[in-house]
Amino acid sequence: MTAYNVVRFRTKPGKEKAFIEAHEKIALNAAGFRKGALIKTGEGTFCFVGEWNDMDSLAAARPSMIGLLDTFRDTLEDLGGNLGVTDPVSGTVVAEVH
């Protein structure tokens, strides 16, 4: 069953361009990864959405995704509320909208 992961980020002042450029260079060669998109949601705030074949593929790729995060972690601001620099969620599709 198709799964998605969504991660919310906030960049440090002056680091937005570096954050975007880091995503333009990403190649997530993980089994089951279909596609992803970085979305600008406000000034210095972003959301990444990834589409996966299933939750098992997504779960198996978590170490790779953390490795990618580590390449641009220095561009991110702590989100507060004990979240750290990311606010990730994931799950399987329960309804599709066309």
Protein backbone atom coordinates (compact mmCIF):
# COMPACT_ATOMS: atom_id res chain seq x y z
CA MET A 1 0.00 0.00 0.00
CA THR A 2 1.38 3.44 -0.95
CA ALA A 3 2.96 5.38 1.91
CA TYR A 4 4.09 8.98 2.34
CA ASN A 5 6.53 10.70 4.63
CA VAL A 6 6.24 14.39 5.43
CA VAL A 7 8.94 16.38 7.19
CA ARG A 8 8.66 19.98 8.37
CA PHE A 9 11.76 22.21 8.57
CA ARG A 10 12.71 25.79 9.46
CA THR A 11 15.97 27.23 8.18
CA LYS A 12 18.35 29.44 10.10
CA PRO A 13 18.41 33.08 8.97
CA GLY A 14 20.50 33.36 5.80
CA LYS A 15 20.57 29.57 5.21
CA GLU A 16 17.46 29.17 3.04
CA LYS A 17 19.38 29.12 -0.26
CA ALA A 18 21.88 26.52 1.00
CA PHE A 19 18.98 24.36 2.26
CA ILE A 20 17.21 24.46 -1.11
CA GLU A 21 20.46 23.78 -2.99
CA ALA A 22 21.12 20.76 -0.79
CA HIS A 23 17.73 19.34 -1.80
CA GLU A 24 18.39 20.01 -5.48
CA LYS A 25 21.45 17.74 -5.20
CA ILE A 26 19.74 14.89 -3.34
CA ALA A 27 19.50 11.52 -5.00
CA LEU A 28 17.63 9.14 -2.72
CA ASN A 29 18.38 5.80 -4.34
CA ALA A 30 16.28 3.78 -1.92
CA ALA A 31 14.22 0.76 -2.89
CA GLY A 32 10.55 1.69 -3.03
CA PHE A 33 11.08 5.47 -3.20
CA ARG A 34 8.93 6.89 -6.00
CA LYS A 35 9.40 10.65 -5.81
CA GLY A 36 9.63 13.56 -3.46
CA ALA A 37 9.13 17.32 -3.39
CA LEU A 38 10.38 20.18 -1.25
CA ILE A 39 7.65 22.76 -0.66
CA LYS A 40 8.21 26.29 0.62
CA THR A 41 5.46 26.95 3.15
CA GLY A 42 6.54 30.40 4.36
CA GLU A 43 9.56 32.58 5.02
CA GLY A 44 12.25 30.09 6.02
CA THR A 45 9.77 27.22 6.47
CA PHE A 46 9.58 24.13 4.31
CA CYS A 47 7.95 20.74 4.07
CA PHE A 48 9.30 17.69 2.25
CA VAL A 49 6.83 15.08 0.97
CA GLY A 50 8.03 11.67 -0.20
CA GLU A 51 6.02 8.95 -1.93
CA TRP A 52 6.89 5.29 -1.30
CA ASN A 53 5.69 1.89 -2.49
CA ASP A 54 4.89 0.89 1.10
CA MET A 55 5.77 1.49 4.76
CA ASP A 56 8.39 -1.26 4.74
CA SER A 57 10.35 0.55 2.01
CA LEU A 58 10.05 3.83 3.89
CA ALA A 59 11.17 2.28 7.17
CA ALA A 60 14.15 0.56 5.52
CA ALA A 61 15.30 3.90 4.05
CA ARG A 62 15.28 5.83 7.34
CA PRO A 63 19.05 5.46 7.90
CA SER A 64 19.68 6.83 4.39
CA MET A 65 17.29 9.72 4.99
CA ILE A 66 19.03 10.57 8.27
CA GLY A 67 22.34 10.49 6.41
CA LEU A 68 20.98 12.99 3.89
CA LEU A 69 19.65 15.17 6.71
CA ASP A 70 23.11 15.22 8.24
CA THR A 71 24.46 16.88 5.06
CA PHE A 72 22.32 19.99 5.61
CA ARG A 73 21.48 19.81 9.33
CA ASP A 74 23.63 22.91 9.95
CA THR A 75 21.17 25.01 7.90
CA LEU A 76 18.24 24.18 10.20
CA GLU A 77 16.80 25.87 13.24
CA ASP A 78 15.37 23.97 16.19
CA LEU A 79 11.57 23.83 15.86
CA GLY A 80 11.05 23.95 19.63
CA GLY A 81 8.73 21.80 21.70
CA ASN A 82 11.39 19.07 21.98
CA LEU A 83 11.12 18.36 18.23
CA GLY A 84 14.69 19.17 17.26
CA VAL A 85 15.31 20.34 13.68
CA THR A 86 12.63 18.18 12.00
CA ASP A 87 8.99 17.30 12.53
CA PRO A 88 8.52 14.01 10.64
CA VAL A 89 5.35 11.99 10.16
CA SER A 90 4.55 9.07 7.86
CA GLY A 91 1.78 6.63 7.07
CA THR A 92 -0.14 4.68 4.49
CA VAL A 93 -2.73 6.10 2.14
CA VAL A 94 -6.30 5.67 3.37
CA ALA A 95 -8.03 7.81 0.71
CA GLU A 96 -6.92 9.25 -2.62
CA VAL A 97 -8.16 12.57 -3.91
CA HIS A 98 -8.38 13.20 -7.67
